[in-house]
Amino acid sequence: MLLVNTETIFGKNLETLGLVKGSTIQSKHIGKDIAAGFKTIVGGELKGYTEMMEEARKVATERMIAEAQALGADAVVCVRFATSAIMQGAAEVIAYGTAVRYLD
């Protein structure tokens, strides 16, 4: 499955199948949350949260791809990611785009 953040795929005529998305809500366990709280005092990267967000993007992308495959898509164009805080230590990540089929 080809994923691009552009509106078109060079050299391909596309049929639009529709919006596809995937999302997840992730959180860290209390131990890592407390450790991250201490880290904010001295500064630096919060590696536990970086890992959490990387995993969330991966899961959201996989779910978006599954939705596109169910429509018979060859690719997803205009891929975007959005995040929102659900509560302290938990975030939602959504991946979305337009599922397309090649006409060539």
N, C-alpha and C. Protein backbone atom coordinates (compact mmCIF):
# COMPACT_ATOMS: atom_id res chain seq x y z
N MET A 1 0.86 -1.17 0.00
CA MET A 1 0.00 0.00 0.00
C MET A 1 0.90 1.23 0.00
N LEU A 2 0.70 2.08 -1.00
CA LEU A 2 1.47 3.31 -1.09
C LEU A 2 0.78 4.39 -0.27
N LEU A 3 1.54 5.07 0.57
CA LEU A 3 1.03 6.19 1.36
C LEU A 3 1.81 7.43 0.97
N VAL A 4 1.09 8.50 0.60
CA VAL A 4 1.76 9.76 0.25
C VAL A 4 1.01 10.93 0.89
N ASN A 5 1.73 12.00 1.11
CA ASN A 5 1.07 13.18 1.67
C ASN A 5 0.71 14.20 0.60
N THR A 6 0.85 13.81 -0.66
CA THR A 6 0.47 14.67 -1.78
C THR A 6 -0.94 14.33 -2.25
N GLU A 7 -1.51 15.21 -3.06
CA GLU A 7 -2.88 14.99 -3.55
C GLU A 7 -2.93 14.02 -4.72
N THR A 8 -1.81 13.84 -5.40
CA THR A 8 -1.77 12.98 -6.58
C THR A 8 -0.55 12.08 -6.50
N ILE A 9 -0.53 11.10 -7.40
CA ILE A 9 0.63 10.24 -7.55
C ILE A 9 1.08 10.41 -9.00
N PHE A 10 2.27 10.92 -9.17
CA PHE A 10 2.77 11.24 -10.50
C PHE A 10 2.64 10.04 -11.44
N GLY A 11 2.06 10.29 -12.61
CA GLY A 11 1.94 9.25 -13.62
C GLY A 11 0.76 8.31 -13.44
N LYS A 12 -0.07 8.55 -12.45
CA LYS A 12 -1.21 7.67 -12.19
C LYS A 12 -2.52 8.45 -12.28
N ASN A 13 -3.50 7.85 -12.92
CA ASN A 13 -4.87 8.37 -12.88
C ASN A 13 -5.54 7.65 -11.72
N LEU A 14 -6.23 8.43 -10.89
CA LEU A 14 -6.77 7.88 -9.65
C LEU A 14 -8.29 7.96 -9.59
N GLU A 15 -8.88 6.94 -9.01
CA GLU A 15 -10.30 6.94 -8.68
C GLU A 15 -10.39 7.08 -7.16
N THR A 16 -11.11 8.08 -6.71
CA THR A 16 -11.27 8.32 -5.27
C THR A 16 -12.28 7.33 -4.70
N LEU A 17 -11.89 6.65 -3.63
CA LEU A 17 -12.76 5.69 -2.97
C LEU A 17 -13.37 6.26 -1.69
N GLY A 18 -12.69 7.20 -1.07
CA GLY A 18 -13.25 7.83 0.12
C GLY A 18 -12.23 8.02 1.23
N LEU A 19 -12.69 8.68 2.27
CA LEU A 19 -11.87 8.96 3.44
C LEU A 19 -11.62 7.68 4.23
N VAL A 20 -10.38 7.49 4.64
CA VAL A 20 -10.04 6.38 5.52
C VAL A 20 -9.28 6.94 6.71
N LYS A 21 -9.43 6.26 7.84
CA LYS A 21 -8.75 6.74 9.04
C LYS A 21 -8.47 5.58 9.97
N GLY A 22 -7.56 5.82 10.85
CA GLY A 22 -7.24 4.87 11.91
C GLY A 22 -6.83 5.68 13.12
N SER A 23 -7.21 5.20 14.30
CA SER A 23 -6.84 5.96 15.49
C SER A 23 -6.57 5.01 16.65
N THR A 24 -5.92 5.55 17.64
CA THR A 24 -5.66 4.83 18.88
C THR A 24 -5.47 5.85 20.00
N ILE A 25 -5.71 5.41 21.20
CA ILE A 25 -5.42 6.22 22.39
C ILE A 25 -4.42 5.43 23.20
N GLN A 26 -3.31 6.05 23.50
CA GLN A 26 -2.22 5.39 24.22
C GLN A 26 -1.93 6.14 25.52
N SER A 27 -1.44 5.39 26.49
CA SER A 27 -0.99 6.01 27.74
C SER A 27 0.21 5.23 28.26
N LYS A 28 0.92 5.83 29.15
CA LYS A 28 2.05 5.18 29.82
C LYS A 28 1.62 4.78 31.21
N HIS A 29 2.25 3.72 31.73
CA HIS A 29 1.89 3.31 33.09
C HIS A 29 2.42 4.33 34.10
N ILE A 30 1.88 4.27 35.28
CA ILE A 30 2.13 5.29 36.31
C ILE A 30 3.61 5.46 36.62
N GLY A 31 4.39 4.38 36.60
CA GLY A 31 5.82 4.50 36.88
C GLY A 31 6.54 5.39 35.87
N LYS A 32 6.24 5.18 34.61
CA LYS A 32 6.87 6.01 33.58
C LYS A 32 6.34 7.44 33.63
N ASP A 33 5.08 7.59 34.00
CA ASP A 33 4.50 8.92 34.10
C ASP A 33 5.17 9.71 35.21
N ILE A 34 5.44 9.07 36.34
CA ILE A 34 6.14 9.74 37.45
C ILE A 34 7.57 10.09 37.03
N ALA A 35 8.26 9.17 36.37
CA ALA A 35 9.62 9.43 35.90
C ALA A 35 9.63 10.60 34.92
N ALA A 36 8.64 10.68 34.04
CA ALA A 36 8.56 11.79 33.09
C ALA A 36 8.33 13.10 33.83
N GLY A 37 7.55 13.06 34.90
CA GLY A 37 7.32 14.26 35.70
C GLY A 37 8.62 14.79 36.29
N PHE A 38 9.47 13.91 36.78
CA PHE A 38 10.78 14.33 37.29
C PHE A 38 11.66 14.89 36.17
N LYS A 39 11.57 14.29 35.01
CA LYS A 39 12.39 14.73 33.87
C LYS A 39 12.04 16.16 33.46
N THR A 40 10.78 16.55 33.64
CA THR A 40 10.40 17.91 33.26
C THR A 40 11.08 18.96 34.14
N ILE A 41 11.52 18.55 35.30
CA ILE A 41 12.21 19.49 36.20
C ILE A 41 13.58 19.84 35.66
N VAL A 42 14.30 18.84 35.15
CA VAL A 42 15.67 19.09 34.67
C VAL A 42 15.75 19.28 33.16
N GLY A 43 14.69 18.96 32.46
CA GLY A 43 14.67 19.14 31.01
C GLY A 43 15.19 17.92 30.26
N GLY A 44 14.94 17.90 28.98
CA GLY A 44 15.39 16.81 28.13
C GLY A 44 14.22 16.05 27.53
N GLU A 45 14.57 15.13 26.67
CA GLU A 45 13.56 14.34 25.97
C GLU A 45 12.87 13.37 26.93
N LEU A 46 11.57 13.27 26.79
CA LEU A 46 10.78 12.30 27.55
C LEU A 46 10.66 11.04 26.69
N LYS A 47 11.68 10.19 26.77
CA LYS A 47 11.78 9.05 25.86
C LYS A 47 10.58 8.11 25.96
N GLY A 48 10.04 7.93 27.14
CA GLY A 48 8.86 7.07 27.28
C GLY A 48 7.69 7.59 26.46
N TYR A 49 7.52 8.90 26.46
CA TYR A 49 6.43 9.49 25.68
C TYR A 49 6.74 9.49 24.19
N THR A 50 8.00 9.67 23.84
CA THR A 50 8.39 9.57 22.43
C THR A 50 8.07 8.19 21.90
N GLU A 51 8.43 7.17 22.66
CA GLU A 51 8.13 5.79 22.26
C GLU A 51 6.63 5.55 22.18
N MET A 52 5.89 6.09 23.14
CA MET A 52 4.45 5.93 23.15
C MET A 52 3.83 6.53 21.89
N MET A 53 4.28 7.72 21.50
CA MET A 53 3.72 8.38 20.33
C MET A 53 4.13 7.67 19.04
N GLU A 54 5.35 7.16 18.98
CA GLU A 54 5.78 6.40 17.81
C GLU A 54 4.90 5.15 17.64
N GLU A 55 4.65 4.45 18.72
CA GLU A 55 3.79 3.27 18.67
C GLU A 55 2.37 3.65 18.27
N ALA A 56 1.87 4.76 18.81
CA ALA A 56 0.51 5.20 18.48
C ALA A 56 0.39 5.54 17.00
N ARG A 57 1.39 6.22 16.43
CA ARG A 57 1.35 6.54 14.99
C ARG A 57 1.37 5.26 14.16
N LYS A 58 2.17 4.28 14.59
CA LYS A 58 2.24 3.01 13.87
C LYS A 58 0.89 2.30 13.88
N VAL A 59 0.26 2.21 15.04
CA VAL A 59 -1.03 1.54 15.16
C VAL A 59 -2.09 2.28 14.33
N ALA A 60 -2.13 3.60 14.44
CA ALA A 60 -3.11 4.38 13.69
C ALA A 60 -2.92 4.20 12.19
N THR A 61 -1.66 4.18 11.74
CA THR A 61 -1.38 3.99 10.32
C THR A 61 -1.82 2.61 9.86
N GLU A 62 -1.52 1.59 10.64
CA GLU A 62 -1.93 0.22 10.28
C GLU A 62 -3.45 0.11 10.17
N ARG A 63 -4.17 0.76 11.06
CA ARG A 63 -5.64 0.73 11.02
C ARG A 63 -6.17 1.48 9.81
N MET A 64 -5.54 2.59 9.46
CA MET A 64 -5.94 3.33 8.25
C MET A 64 -5.72 2.47 7.01
N ILE A 65 -4.57 1.81 6.94
CA ILE A 65 -4.26 0.94 5.80
C ILE A 65 -5.29 -0.19 5.70
N ALA A 66 -5.66 -0.79 6.82
CA ALA A 66 -6.65 -1.88 6.81
C ALA A 66 -7.98 -1.38 6.27
N GLU A 67 -8.37 -0.18 6.64
CA GLU A 67 -9.63 0.39 6.15
C GLU A 67 -9.54 0.63 4.64
N ALA A 68 -8.38 1.12 4.18
CA ALA A 68 -8.19 1.35 2.74
C ALA A 68 -8.21 0.03 1.97
N GLN A 69 -7.56 -0.99 2.49
CA GLN A 69 -7.55 -2.30 1.83
C GLN A 69 -8.95 -2.88 1.73
N ALA A 70 -9.76 -2.65 2.75
CA ALA A 70 -11.14 -3.14 2.72
C ALA A 70 -11.95 -2.50 1.60
N LEU A 71 -11.56 -1.29 1.19
CA LEU A 71 -12.21 -0.60 0.07
C LEU A 71 -11.62 -1.00 -1.28
N GLY A 72 -10.54 -1.79 -1.26
CA GLY A 72 -9.88 -2.17 -2.51
C GLY A 72 -8.91 -1.12 -3.02
N ALA A 73 -8.38 -0.31 -2.13
CA ALA A 73 -7.48 0.78 -2.52
C ALA A 73 -6.09 0.27 -2.86
N ASP A 74 -5.45 1.00 -3.76
CA ASP A 74 -4.05 0.77 -4.09
C ASP A 74 -3.14 1.69 -3.31
N ALA A 75 -3.69 2.82 -2.87
CA ALA A 75 -2.87 3.83 -2.20
C ALA A 75 -3.77 4.71 -1.34
N VAL A 76 -3.12 5.49 -0.48
CA VAL A 76 -3.81 6.54 0.28
C VAL A 76 -3.04 7.83 0.02
N VAL A 77 -3.75 8.84 -0.46
CA VAL A 77 -3.14 10.14 -0.72
C VAL A 77 -3.57 11.12 0.36
N CYS A 78 -2.88 12.23 0.42
CA CYS A 78 -3.17 13.29 1.41
C CYS A 78 -3.12 12.76 2.84
N VAL A 79 -2.16 11.90 3.14
CA VAL A 79 -2.06 11.32 4.48
C VAL A 79 -1.67 12.41 5.48
N ARG A 80 -2.40 12.43 6.58
CA ARG A 80 -2.14 13.39 7.65
C ARG A 80 -2.23 12.68 8.99
N PHE A 81 -1.60 13.27 9.99
CA PHE A 81 -1.68 12.79 11.37
C PHE A 81 -2.16 13.94 12.24
N ALA A 82 -2.95 13.60 13.23
CA ALA A 82 -3.39 14.59 14.22
C ALA A 82 -3.32 13.94 15.60
N THR A 83 -3.06 14.75 16.60
CA THR A 83 -3.01 14.25 17.97
C THR A 83 -3.84 15.16 18.86
N SER A 84 -4.31 14.58 19.94
CA SER A 84 -4.99 15.38 20.96
C SER A 84 -4.78 14.72 22.31
N ALA A 85 -4.69 15.55 23.32
CA ALA A 85 -4.56 15.04 24.68
C ALA A 85 -5.93 14.63 25.17
N ILE A 86 -6.03 13.42 25.68
CA ILE A 86 -7.30 12.93 26.21
C ILE A 86 -7.38 13.21 27.71
N MET A 87 -6.27 12.96 28.37
CA MET A 87 -6.12 13.23 29.80
C MET A 87 -4.63 13.28 30.06
N GLN A 88 -4.22 13.61 31.25
CA GLN A 88 -2.80 13.67 31.54
C GLN A 88 -2.19 12.29 31.32
N GLY A 89 -1.17 12.25 30.47
CA GLY A 89 -0.46 11.00 30.21
C GLY A 89 -1.09 10.13 29.14
N ALA A 90 -2.16 10.59 28.50
CA ALA A 90 -2.81 9.81 27.44
C ALA A 90 -3.07 10.71 26.24
N ALA A 91 -2.83 10.17 25.05
CA ALA A 91 -3.02 10.95 23.84
C ALA A 91 -3.68 10.09 22.77
N GLU A 92 -4.51 10.74 21.96
CA GLU A 92 -5.09 10.09 20.79
C GLU A 92 -4.27 10.49 19.58
N VAL A 93 -4.01 9.52 18.72
CA VAL A 93 -3.37 9.78 17.43
C VAL A 93 -4.31 9.27 16.37
N ILE A 94 -4.56 10.08 15.36
CA ILE A 94 -5.38 9.67 14.23
C ILE A 94 -4.58 9.87 12.95
N ALA A 95 -4.62 8.87 12.10
CA ALA A 95 -4.04 8.95 10.76
C ALA A 95 -5.21 8.94 9.79
N TYR A 96 -5.20 9.84 8.80
CA TYR A 96 -6.30 9.86 7.85
C TYR A 96 -5.81 10.30 6.48
N GLY A 97 -6.59 9.95 5.49
CA GLY A 97 -6.26 10.29 4.11
C GLY A 97 -7.37 9.85 3.19
N THR A 98 -7.11 9.94 1.90
CA THR A 98 -8.09 9.56 0.88
C THR A 98 -7.63 8.29 0.19
N ALA A 99 -8.46 7.25 0.28
CA ALA A 99 -8.16 5.98 -0.38
C ALA A 99 -8.43 6.13 -1.88
N VAL A 100 -7.50 5.63 -2.68
CA VAL A 100 -7.64 5.71 -4.14
C VAL A 100 -7.29 4.38 -4.79
N ARG A 101 -7.81 4.22 -6.00
CA ARG A 101 -7.51 3.05 -6.83
C ARG A 101 -6.89 3.56 -8.12
N TYR A 102 -5.89 2.85 -8.62
CA TYR A 102 -5.27 3.22 -9.89
C TYR A 102 -6.21 2.88 -11.04
N LEU A 103 -6.34 3.78 -12.01
CA LEU A 103 -7.15 3.53 -13.19
C LEU A 103 -6.32 3.01 -14.34
N ASP A 104 -5.02 3.14 -14.29
CA ASP A 104 -4.14 2.69 -15.39
C ASP A 104 -3.96 1.20 -15.37
